[in-house]
């Protein structure tokens, strides 16, 4: 790993390790290094839009991309791997947890990892999941430490916060001396996505939507007016093709752009939310 060398972007202060029961804004006391190789284990905030976080408007506006760009400014050799951790969140027994750790986690771990960021826990939302989650969190950290002993481990939580889950995470972090970064205060209305938000995917897709009216615009764009829950919305998407079922007033289009129509998806971070999550992490890492 390399020490921060770019004075435009870095503040070379000292740093004290942030324990799970201390604030992520604790005054630093030793220098922090940018990793050569990192693993990010996350849920929909990392990979919910396929290859990027739900519900950023595109690949370049989720928290991972912002963090990655800051790392690359300091260390052009930086590489990162993203792993979906929703399978571990869904576990209801220890045997399921061990299976996920052995079959999904262990193959992506290596002894040259410098940093592992864990960003899961939001989907641990039933009594059966919660009852085993702390055990799984400890198994997760223990396995990372076994296979990647040089890696700094950070746990970042939670957009959808639960008191039981946050305590389980803190217990696991405390046992293994893992740093904790809280992001629950960032979950505010202005930092969420919204119904009608247009998302640009990294692969072509198809979407259908019941409309009230639509207009063809130049450059293969459609302005679509629709209603959800009695509220009117207007969105503009660029398409490669479309069809109109006049009888049902349903528009189906192909292309890279989709419209957010689900309230659960809209409750995820928007671009401002992802920016704030990334900045919270970078402040902990002492990068401006």
C-alpha atoms as a PDB file:
ATOM      1  CA  UNK A   1       0.000   0.000   0.000  1.00  0.00           C
ATOM      2  CA  UNK A   2       1.033   3.584  -0.605  1.00  0.00           C
ATOM      3  CA  UNK A   3       0.922   6.564   1.749  1.00  0.00           C
ATOM      4  CA  UNK A   4      -1.215   9.497   0.633  1.00  0.00           C
ATOM      5  CA  UNK A   5       0.986  11.604  -1.660  1.00  0.00           C
ATOM      6  CA  UNK A   6      -1.372  14.011  -3.411  1.00  0.00           C
ATOM      7  CA  UNK A   7      -1.607  17.115  -1.234  1.00  0.00           C
ATOM      8  CA  UNK A   8      -4.485  18.505  -3.310  1.00  0.00           C
ATOM      9  CA  UNK A   9      -6.763  15.704  -2.155  1.00  0.00           C
ATOM     10  CA  UNK A  10      -5.301  14.536   1.142  1.00  0.00           C
ATOM     11  CA  UNK A  11      -4.849  15.790   4.653  1.00  0.00           C
ATOM     12  CA  UNK A  12      -1.967  13.965   6.256  1.00  0.00           C
ATOM     13  CA  UNK A  13      -3.123  13.935   9.828  1.00  0.00           C
ATOM     14  CA  UNK A  14      -2.710  11.236  12.395  1.00  0.00           C
ATOM     15  CA  UNK A  15      -5.477   8.741  12.959  1.00  0.00           C
ATOM     16  CA  UNK A  16      -6.837   6.686  15.843  1.00  0.00           C
ATOM     17  CA  UNK A  17      -8.662   3.527  14.931  1.00  0.00           C
ATOM     18  CA  UNK A  18     -12.392   4.004  15.232  1.00  0.00           C
ATOM     19  CA  UNK A  19     -13.883   1.290  17.390  1.00  0.00           C
ATOM     20  CA  UNK A  20     -17.476   0.192  16.964  1.00  0.00           C
ATOM     21  CA  UNK A  21     -18.645   2.263  19.918  1.00  0.00           C
ATOM     22  CA  UNK A  22     -16.852   5.465  18.892  1.00  0.00           C
ATOM     23  CA  UNK A  23     -17.869   8.123  16.404  1.00  0.00           C
ATOM     24  CA  UNK A  24     -16.640   7.789  12.818  1.00  0.00           C
ATOM     25  CA  UNK A  25     -15.631  11.456  13.118  1.00  0.00           C
ATOM     26  CA  UNK A  26     -13.062  10.808  15.851  1.00  0.00           C
ATOM     27  CA  UNK A  27      -9.927  12.949  15.465  1.00  0.00           C
ATOM     28  CA  UNK A  28      -7.317  10.965  13.498  1.00  0.00           C
ATOM     29  CA  UNK A  29      -3.850  10.347  14.959  1.00  0.00           C
ATOM     30  CA  UNK A  30      -1.947   8.196  12.420  1.00  0.00           C
ATOM     31  CA  UNK A  31      -1.564   8.246   8.661  1.00  0.00           C
ATOM     32  CA  UNK A  32      -3.997   6.211   6.568  1.00  0.00           C
ATOM     33  CA  UNK A  33      -2.972   4.373   3.439  1.00  0.00           C
ATOM     34  CA  UNK A  34      -4.964   3.984   0.239  1.00  0.00           C
ATOM     35  CA  UNK A  35      -5.290   0.290  -0.651  1.00  0.00           C
ATOM     36  CA  UNK A  36      -3.880  -1.484  -3.659  1.00  0.00           C
ATOM     37  CA  UNK A  37      -6.706  -4.004  -3.603  1.00  0.00           C
ATOM     38  CA  UNK A  38     -10.090  -3.846  -1.863  1.00  0.00           C
ATOM     39  CA  UNK A  39     -13.210  -5.966  -1.535  1.00  0.00           C
ATOM     40  CA  UNK A  40     -16.617  -4.353  -1.008  1.00  0.00           C
ATOM     41  CA  UNK A  41     -19.350  -6.673   0.294  1.00  0.00           C
ATOM     42  CA  UNK A  42     -22.726  -4.972  -0.002  1.00  0.00           C
ATOM     43  CA  UNK A  43     -26.426  -5.229  -0.694  1.00  0.00           C
ATOM     44  CA  UNK A  44     -28.709  -3.191  -2.957  1.00  0.00           C
ATOM     45  CA  UNK A  45     -26.760  -0.025  -2.114  1.00  0.00           C
ATOM     46  CA  UNK A  46     -23.797  -1.632  -3.868  1.00  0.00           C
ATOM     47  CA  UNK A  47     -25.369  -3.702  -6.664  1.00  0.00           C
ATOM     48  CA  UNK A  48     -29.145  -3.122  -6.620  1.00  0.00           C
ATOM     49  CA  UNK A  49     -29.190  -1.570 -10.098  1.00  0.00           C
ATOM     50  CA  UNK A  50     -27.388  -4.572 -11.554  1.00  0.00           C
ATOM     51  CA  UNK A  51     -23.803  -3.347 -11.650  1.00  0.00           C
ATOM     52  CA  UNK A  52     -24.206  -0.333  -9.368  1.00  0.00           C
ATOM     53  CA  UNK A  53     -26.116   0.885  -6.350  1.00  0.00           C
ATOM     54  CA  UNK A  54     -29.879   1.269  -6.220  1.00  0.00           C
ATOM     55  CA  UNK A  55     -31.096   3.931  -6.985  1.00  0.00           C
ATOM     56  CA  UNK A  56     -28.249   6.053  -8.339  1.00  0.00           C
ATOM     57  CA  UNK A  57     -29.076   7.548 -11.708  1.00  0.00           C
ATOM     58  CA  UNK A  58     -26.109   5.789 -13.336  1.00  0.00           C
ATOM     59  CA  UNK A  59     -22.902   3.867 -12.676  1.00  0.00           C
ATOM     60  CA  UNK A  60     -20.930   7.009 -11.832  1.00  0.00           C
ATOM     61  CA  UNK A  61     -23.144   8.211  -8.992  1.00  0.00           C
ATOM     62  CA  UNK A  62     -23.190   5.426  -6.404  1.00  0.00           C
ATOM     63  CA  UNK A  63     -21.003   5.397  -3.291  1.00  0.00           C
ATOM     64  CA  UNK A  64     -18.574   2.796  -4.611  1.00  0.00           C
ATOM     65  CA  UNK A  65     -17.734   4.740  -7.774  1.00  0.00           C
ATOM     66  CA  UNK A  66     -17.097   7.944  -5.824  1.00  0.00           C
ATOM     67  CA  UNK A  67     -14.812   6.133  -3.360  1.00  0.00           C
ATOM     68  CA  UNK A  68     -13.050   4.335  -6.215  1.00  0.00           C
ATOM     69  CA  UNK A  69     -12.279   7.604  -8.006  1.00  0.00           C
ATOM     70  CA  UNK A  70     -10.753   9.120  -4.865  1.00  0.00           C
ATOM     71  CA  UNK A  71      -8.617   6.019  -4.339  1.00  0.00           C
ATOM     72  CA  UNK A  72      -7.426   6.095  -7.964  1.00  0.00           C
ATOM     73  CA  UNK A  73      -6.391   9.739  -7.685  1.00  0.00           C
ATOM     74  CA  UNK A  74      -3.949   8.763  -4.966  1.00  0.00           C
ATOM     75  CA  UNK A  75      -3.081   5.265  -6.095  1.00  0.00           C
ATOM     76  CA  UNK A  76      -3.589   4.557  -9.835  1.00  0.00           C
ATOM     77  CA  UNK A  77      -2.803   0.891  -9.168  1.00  0.00           C
ATOM     78  CA  UNK A  78      -5.916   0.502  -6.999  1.00  0.00           C
ATOM     79  CA  UNK A  79      -8.270  -2.352  -7.935  1.00  0.00           C
ATOM     80  CA  UNK A  80     -11.566  -3.249  -6.327  1.00  0.00           C
ATOM     81  CA  UNK A  81     -13.983  -6.171  -6.326  1.00  0.00           C
ATOM     82  CA  UNK A  82     -17.698  -5.954  -5.494  1.00  0.00           C
ATOM     83  CA  UNK A  83     -19.532  -8.901  -3.929  1.00  0.00           C
ATOM     84  CA  UNK A  84     -23.275  -9.168  -3.295  1.00  0.00           C
ATOM     85  CA  UNK A  85     -23.871  -9.940   0.387  1.00  0.00           C
ATOM     86  CA  UNK A  86     -27.646 -10.288   0.250  1.00  0.00           C
ATOM     87  CA  UNK A  87     -27.287 -14.064   0.436  1.00  0.00           C
ATOM     88  CA  UNK A  88     -25.795 -13.771   3.910  1.00  0.00           C
ATOM     89  CA  UNK A  89     -28.477 -11.293   4.965  1.00  0.00           C
ATOM     90  CA  UNK A  90     -31.138 -13.833   3.935  1.00  0.00           C
ATOM     91  CA  UNK A  91     -29.750 -16.680   6.056  1.00  0.00           C
ATOM     92  CA  UNK A  92     -31.957 -18.123   8.783  1.00  0.00           C
ATOM     93  CA  UNK A  93     -29.640 -20.870  10.052  1.00  0.00           C
ATOM     94  CA  UNK A  94     -25.953 -21.224  10.817  1.00  0.00           C
ATOM     95  CA  UNK A  95     -25.580 -23.924   8.179  1.00  0.00           C
ATOM     96  CA  UNK A  96     -26.887 -21.497   5.536  1.00  0.00           C
ATOM     97  CA  UNK A  97     -24.403 -18.876   6.726  1.00  0.00           C
ATOM     98  CA  UNK A  98     -21.464 -21.282   6.615  1.00  0.00           C
ATOM     99  CA  UNK A  99     -22.519 -22.403   3.151  1.00  0.00           C
ATOM    100  CA  UNK A 100     -22.560 -18.802   1.879  1.00  0.00           C
ATOM    101  CA  UNK A 101     -19.196 -18.059   3.478  1.00  0.00           C
ATOM    102  CA  UNK A 102     -17.549 -21.137   1.978  1.00  0.00           C
ATOM    103  CA  UNK A 103     -19.160 -21.053  -1.455  1.00  0.00           C
ATOM    104  CA  UNK A 104     -19.540 -17.316  -2.119  1.00  0.00           C
ATOM    105  CA  UNK A 105     -17.156 -15.390   0.123  1.00  0.00           C
ATOM    106  CA  UNK A 106     -14.056 -17.541   0.397  1.00  0.00           C
ATOM    107  CA  UNK A 107     -13.434 -17.791  -3.389  1.00  0.00           C
ATOM    108  CA  UNK A 108     -13.077 -13.983  -3.681  1.00  0.00           C
ATOM    109  CA  UNK A 109     -10.818 -13.566  -0.650  1.00  0.00           C
ATOM    110  CA  UNK A 110      -7.039 -13.453  -1.022  1.00  0.00           C
ATOM    111  CA  UNK A 111      -4.052 -12.652   1.147  1.00  0.00           C
ATOM    112  CA  UNK A 112      -3.181  -9.574  -0.921  1.00  0.00           C
ATOM    113  CA  UNK A 113      -6.341  -7.676   0.056  1.00  0.00           C
ATOM    114  CA  UNK A 114      -5.554  -4.394   1.817  1.00  0.00           C
ATOM    115  CA  UNK A 115      -9.136  -3.358   2.615  1.00  0.00           C
ATOM    116  CA  UNK A 116     -12.493  -5.071   3.072  1.00  0.00           C
ATOM    117  CA  UNK A 117     -15.607  -2.929   3.402  1.00  0.00           C
ATOM    118  CA  UNK A 118     -18.747  -4.681   4.649  1.00  0.00           C
ATOM    119  CA  UNK A 119     -22.017  -2.899   3.909  1.00  0.00           C
ATOM    120  CA  UNK A 120     -24.770  -5.349   4.792  1.00  0.00           C
ATOM    121  CA  UNK A 121     -27.431  -5.755   7.469  1.00  0.00           C
ATOM    122  CA  UNK A 122     -30.266  -3.651   6.021  1.00  0.00           C
ATOM    123  CA  UNK A 123     -32.183  -6.727   4.823  1.00  0.00           C
ATOM    124  CA  UNK A 124     -31.953  -8.588   8.122  1.00  0.00           C
ATOM    125  CA  UNK A 125     -35.594  -7.808   8.797  1.00  0.00           C
ATOM    126  CA  UNK A 126     -37.311 -10.884  10.243  1.00  0.00           C
ATOM    127  CA  UNK A 127     -37.010 -12.569  13.655  1.00  0.00           C
ATOM    128  CA  UNK A 128     -35.440 -15.693  12.135  1.00  0.00           C
ATOM    129  CA  UNK A 129     -32.798 -13.684  10.247  1.00  0.00           C
ATOM    130  CA  UNK A 130     -32.045 -11.517  13.272  1.00  0.00           C
ATOM    131  CA  UNK A 131     -31.684 -14.524  15.567  1.00  0.00           C
ATOM    132  CA  UNK A 132     -28.620 -15.804  13.683  1.00  0.00           C
ATOM    133  CA  UNK A 133     -27.207 -12.613  12.216  1.00  0.00           C
ATOM    134  CA  UNK A 134     -24.682 -11.806  14.939  1.00  0.00           C
ATOM    135  CA  UNK A 135     -23.243 -15.301  14.646  1.00  0.00           C
ATOM    136  CA  UNK A 136     -23.009 -14.886  10.873  1.00  0.00           C
ATOM    137  CA  UNK A 137     -21.396 -11.459  11.213  1.00  0.00           C
ATOM    138  CA  UNK A 138     -18.705 -12.940  13.443  1.00  0.00           C
ATOM    139  CA  UNK A 139     -18.129 -15.869  11.063  1.00  0.00           C
ATOM    140  CA  UNK A 140     -17.852 -13.384   8.191  1.00  0.00           C
ATOM    141  CA  UNK A 141     -15.200 -11.276   9.917  1.00  0.00           C
ATOM    142  CA  UNK A 142     -13.305 -14.311  11.209  1.00  0.00           C
ATOM    143  CA  UNK A 143     -13.084 -15.767   7.704  1.00  0.00           C
ATOM    144  CA  UNK A 144     -11.835 -12.494   6.239  1.00  0.00           C
ATOM    145  CA  UNK A 145      -9.162 -12.263   8.937  1.00  0.00           C
ATOM    146  CA  UNK A 146      -8.136 -15.865   8.306  1.00  0.00           C
ATOM    147  CA  UNK A 147      -7.722 -15.565   4.528  1.00  0.00           C
ATOM    148  CA  UNK A 148      -6.767 -11.869   4.269  1.00  0.00           C
ATOM    149  CA  UNK A 149      -4.885 -11.183   7.511  1.00  0.00           C
ATOM    150  CA  UNK A 150      -3.372  -7.893   6.284  1.00  0.00           C
ATOM    151  CA  UNK A 151      -6.701  -6.359   5.274  1.00  0.00           C
ATOM    152  CA  UNK A 152      -8.152  -3.426   7.172  1.00  0.00           C
ATOM    153  CA  UNK A 153     -11.854  -4.260   7.785  1.00  0.00           C
ATOM    154  CA  UNK A 154     -14.600  -1.641   7.986  1.00  0.00           C
ATOM    155  CA  UNK A 155     -18.330  -2.222   8.524  1.00  0.00           C
ATOM    156  CA  UNK A 156     -20.636   0.504   7.165  1.00  0.00           C
ATOM    157  CA  UNK A 157     -24.336   0.422   8.202  1.00  0.00           C
ATOM    158  CA  UNK A 158     -27.235   1.141   7.790  1.00  0.00           C
ATOM    159  CA  UNK A 159     -29.578   2.879   5.393  1.00  0.00           C
ATOM    160  CA  UNK A 160     -32.489   0.854   6.785  1.00  0.00           C
ATOM    161  CA  UNK A 161     -31.460   0.641  10.402  1.00  0.00           C
ATOM    162  CA  UNK A 162     -32.602  -1.793  13.117  1.00  0.00           C
ATOM    163  CA  UNK A 163     -31.540  -1.495  16.756  1.00  0.00           C
ATOM    164  CA  UNK A 164     -31.148  -5.276  17.015  1.00  0.00           C
ATOM    165  CA  UNK A 165     -29.024  -5.476  13.871  1.00  0.00           C
ATOM    166  CA  UNK A 166     -26.830  -2.513  14.752  1.00  0.00           C
ATOM    167  CA  UNK A 167     -26.100  -4.052  18.159  1.00  0.00           C
ATOM    168  CA  UNK A 168     -25.266  -7.391  16.533  1.00  0.00           C
ATOM    169  CA  UNK A 169     -22.873  -5.659  14.136  1.00  0.00           C
ATOM    170  CA  UNK A 170     -21.240  -3.680  16.948  1.00  0.00           C
ATOM    171  CA  UNK A 171     -20.795  -6.841  19.019  1.00  0.00           C
ATOM    172  CA  UNK A 172     -19.086  -8.566  16.101  1.00  0.00           C
ATOM    173  CA  UNK A 173     -16.925  -5.517  15.379  1.00  0.00           C
ATOM    174  CA  UNK A 174     -15.893  -5.179  19.019  1.00  0.00           C
ATOM    175  CA  UNK A 175     -14.899  -8.832  19.257  1.00  0.00           C
ATOM    176  CA  UNK A 176     -12.633  -8.627  16.208  1.00  0.00           C
ATOM    177  CA  UNK A 177     -11.419  -5.011  16.484  1.00  0.00           C
ATOM    178  CA  UNK A 178     -13.220  -3.944  13.305  1.00  0.00           C
ATOM    179  CA  UNK A 179     -14.065  -0.295  12.598  1.00  0.00           C
ATOM    180  CA  UNK A 180     -17.694   0.804  12.287  1.00  0.00           C
ATOM    181  CA  UNK A 181     -19.138   3.686  10.260  1.00  0.00           C
ATOM    182  CA  UNK A 182     -22.774   4.639  10.859  1.00  0.00           C
ATOM    183  CA  UNK A 183     -24.753   6.080   7.930  1.00  0.00           C
ATOM    184  CA  UNK A 184     -28.324   5.917   9.269  1.00  0.00           C
ATOM    185  CA  UNK A 185     -28.475   9.686   9.812  1.00  0.00           C
ATOM    186  CA  UNK A 186     -27.944  10.205   6.065  1.00  0.00           C
ATOM    187  CA  UNK A 187     -31.276   8.517   5.322  1.00  0.00           C
ATOM    188  CA  UNK A 188     -33.426  11.624   4.922  1.00  0.00           C
ATOM    189  CA  UNK A 189     -36.073  12.534   2.346  1.00  0.00           C
ATOM    190  CA  UNK A 190     -33.739  14.822   0.423  1.00  0.00           C
ATOM    191  CA  UNK A 191     -31.112  12.073   0.183  1.00  0.00           C
ATOM    192  CA  UNK A 192     -33.522   9.441  -1.171  1.00  0.00           C
ATOM    193  CA  UNK A 193     -34.396   8.701  -4.773  1.00  0.00           C
ATOM    194  CA  UNK A 194     -37.949   9.383  -5.971  1.00  0.00           C
ATOM    195  CA  UNK A 195     -40.773   8.073  -8.123  1.00  0.00           C
ATOM    196  CA  UNK A 196     -40.173   9.181 -11.712  1.00  0.00           C
ATOM    197  CA  UNK A 197     -36.387   9.154 -11.389  1.00  0.00           C
ATOM    198  CA  UNK A 198     -34.732   7.970 -14.610  1.00  0.00           C
ATOM    199  CA  UNK A 199     -31.926   5.438 -14.218  1.00  0.00           C
ATOM    200  CA  UNK A 200     -29.397   4.682 -16.959  1.00  0.00           C
ATOM    201  CA  UNK A 201     -28.463   0.990 -16.917  1.00  0.00           C
ATOM    202  CA  UNK A 202     -25.212  -0.531 -18.095  1.00  0.00           C
ATOM    203  CA  UNK A 203     -27.008  -3.146 -20.205  1.00  0.00           C
ATOM    204  CA  UNK A 204     -30.094  -2.874 -22.436  1.00  0.00           C
ATOM    205  CA  UNK A 205     -33.424  -3.542 -20.770  1.00  0.00           C
ATOM    206  CA  UNK A 206     -37.185  -3.384 -21.350  1.00  0.00           C
ATOM    207  CA  UNK A 207     -39.808  -1.637 -19.248  1.00  0.00           C
ATOM    208  CA  UNK A 208     -43.583  -1.344 -19.477  1.00  0.00           C
ATOM    209  CA  UNK A 209     -45.627   1.442 -17.896  1.00  0.00           C
ATOM    210  CA  UNK A 210     -49.292   2.405 -17.842  1.00  0.00           C
ATOM    211  CA  UNK A 211     -49.474   5.960 -19.126  1.00  0.00           C
ATOM    212  CA  UNK A 212     -51.947   8.807 -19.213  1.00  0.00           C
ATOM    213  CA  UNK A 213     -50.240  10.303 -22.275  1.00  0.00           C
ATOM    214  CA  UNK A 214     -46.874  10.348 -24.009  1.00  0.00           C
ATOM    215  CA  UNK A 215     -45.047  12.463 -26.571  1.00  0.00           C
ATOM    216  CA  UNK A 216     -42.323  11.582 -29.039  1.00  0.00           C
ATOM    217  CA  UNK A 217     -39.387  13.955 -28.700  1.00  0.00           C
ATOM    218  CA  UNK A 218     -36.267  14.382 -30.892  1.00  0.00           C
ATOM    219  CA  UNK A 219     -33.265  12.044 -30.493  1.00  0.00           C
ATOM    220  CA  UNK A 220     -35.360   8.930 -29.818  1.00  0.00           C
ATOM    221  CA  UNK A 221     -36.784  10.265 -26.575  1.00  0.00           C
ATOM    222  CA  UNK A 222     -40.234   9.768 -25.055  1.00  0.00           C
ATOM    223  CA  UNK A 223     -41.934  12.059 -22.580  1.00  0.00           C
ATOM    224  CA  UNK A 224     -44.228   9.837 -20.538  1.00  0.00           C
ATOM    225  CA  UNK A 225     -46.977  11.132 -18.252  1.00  0.00           C
ATOM    226  CA  UNK A 226     -48.285   8.617 -15.736  1.00  0.00           C
ATOM    227  CA  UNK A 227     -50.019   8.367 -12.378  1.00  0.00           C
ATOM    228  CA  UNK A 228     -49.158   6.362  -9.274  1.00  0.00           C
ATOM    229  CA  UNK A 229     -51.158   6.534  -6.067  1.00  0.00           C
ATOM    230  CA  UNK A 230     -53.240   9.327  -7.536  1.00  0.00           C
ATOM    231  CA  UNK A 231     -50.185  11.537  -8.125  1.00  0.00           C
ATOM    232  CA  UNK A 232     -49.112  12.658 -11.591  1.00  0.00           C
ATOM    233  CA  UNK A 233     -45.536  12.250 -12.814  1.00  0.00           C
ATOM    234  CA  UNK A 234     -43.645  13.104 -15.996  1.00  0.00           C
ATOM    235  CA  UNK A 235     -40.403  11.442 -17.058  1.00  0.00           C
ATOM    236  CA  UNK A 236     -38.309  11.516 -20.237  1.00  0.00           C
ATOM    237  CA  UNK A 237     -36.429   8.438 -21.415  1.00  0.00           C
ATOM    238  CA  UNK A 238     -34.241   7.761 -24.417  1.00  0.00           C
ATOM    239  CA  UNK A 239     -35.253   4.561 -26.205  1.00  0.00           C
ATOM    240  CA  UNK A 240     -34.064   2.290 -28.970  1.00  0.00           C
ATOM    241  CA  UNK A 241     -37.621   1.184 -29.738  1.00  0.00           C
ATOM    242  CA  UNK A 242     -41.123   1.102 -28.240  1.00  0.00           C
ATOM    243  CA  UNK A 243     -44.640  -0.217 -28.682  1.00  0.00           C
ATOM    244  CA  UNK A 244     -47.977   1.166 -27.513  1.00  0.00           C
ATOM    245  CA  UNK A 245     -50.852  -1.034 -26.410  1.00  0.00           C
ATOM    246  CA  UNK A 246     -53.567   1.542 -27.045  1.00  0.00           C
ATOM    247  CA  UNK A 247     -56.324  -0.590 -25.551  1.00  0.00           C
ATOM    248  CA  UNK A 248     -54.646  -0.872 -22.139  1.00  0.00           C
ATOM    249  CA  UNK A 249     -52.667   2.391 -22.469  1.00  0.00           C
ATOM    250  CA  UNK A 250     -49.432   0.536 -21.731  1.00  0.00           C
ATOM    251  CA  UNK A 251     -46.167   1.712 -23.207  1.00  0.00           C
ATOM    252  CA  UNK A 252     -43.279  -0.753 -23.561  1.00  0.00           C
ATOM    253  CA  UNK A 253     -39.841   0.493 -24.518  1.00  0.00           C
ATOM    254  CA  UNK A 254     -36.339  -0.866 -24.996  1.00  0.00           C
ATOM    255  CA  UNK A 255     -33.106   0.919 -24.198  1.00  0.00           C
ATOM    256  CA  UNK A 256     -30.788   1.696 -21.321  1.00  0.00           C
ATOM    257  CA  UNK A 257     -33.085   4.024 -19.388  1.00  0.00           C
ATOM    258  CA  UNK A 258     -35.801   3.007 -16.945  1.00  0.00           C
ATOM    259  CA  UNK A 259     -38.235   4.979 -14.795  1.00  0.00           C
ATOM    260  CA  UNK A 260     -38.485   4.418 -11.047  1.00  0.00           C
ATOM    261  CA  UNK A 261     -42.072   3.421 -10.243  1.00  0.00           C
ATOM    262  CA  UNK A 262     -41.696   1.393  -7.033  1.00  0.00           C
ATOM    263  CA  UNK A 263     -41.790   3.136  -3.644  1.00  0.00           C
ATOM    264  CA  UNK A 264     -39.371   0.612  -2.130  1.00  0.00           C
ATOM    265  CA  UNK A 265     -36.805   1.333  -4.821  1.00  0.00           C
ATOM    266  CA  UNK A 266     -37.433   5.064  -4.482  1.00  0.00           C
ATOM    267  CA  UNK A 267     -36.622   4.832  -0.752  1.00  0.00           C
ATOM    268  CA  UNK A 268     -33.022   3.947  -1.625  1.00  0.00           C
ATOM    269  CA  UNK A 269     -30.361   6.658  -1.841  1.00  0.00           C
ATOM    270  CA  UNK A 270     -30.488   9.083  -4.719  1.00  0.00           C
ATOM    271  CA  UNK A 271     -27.325  10.684  -6.031  1.00  0.00           C
ATOM    272  CA  UNK A 272     -27.105  13.069  -3.074  1.00  0.00           C
ATOM    273  CA  UNK A 273     -27.495  10.174  -0.638  1.00  0.00           C
ATOM    274  CA  UNK A 274     -24.729   8.181  -2.293  1.00  0.00           C
ATOM    275  CA  UNK A 275     -22.477  11.235  -2.349  1.00  0.00           C
ATOM    276  CA  UNK A 276     -22.972  11.711   1.391  1.00  0.00           C
ATOM    277  CA  UNK A 277     -22.353   8.019   2.120  1.00  0.00           C
ATOM    278  CA  UNK A 278     -19.120   8.159   0.124  1.00  0.00           C
ATOM    279  CA  UNK A 279     -18.032  11.352   1.862  1.00  0.00           C
ATOM    280  CA  UNK A 280     -18.762   9.808   5.278  1.00  0.00           C
ATOM    281  CA  UNK A 281     -16.488   6.905   4.375  1.00  0.00           C
ATOM    282  CA  UNK A 282     -13.784   9.152   2.908  1.00  0.00           C
ATOM    283  CA  UNK A 283     -13.855  11.392   5.994  1.00  0.00           C
ATOM    284  CA  UNK A 284     -13.208   8.307   8.096  1.00  0.00           C
ATOM    285  CA  UNK A 285     -10.400   7.421   5.674  1.00  0.00           C
ATOM    286  CA  UNK A 286      -9.152  10.991   5.955  1.00  0.00           C
ATOM    287  CA  UNK A 287      -9.546  11.860   2.265  1.00  0.00           C
ATOM    288  CA  UNK A 288     -11.103  15.186   1.252  1.00  0.00           C
END
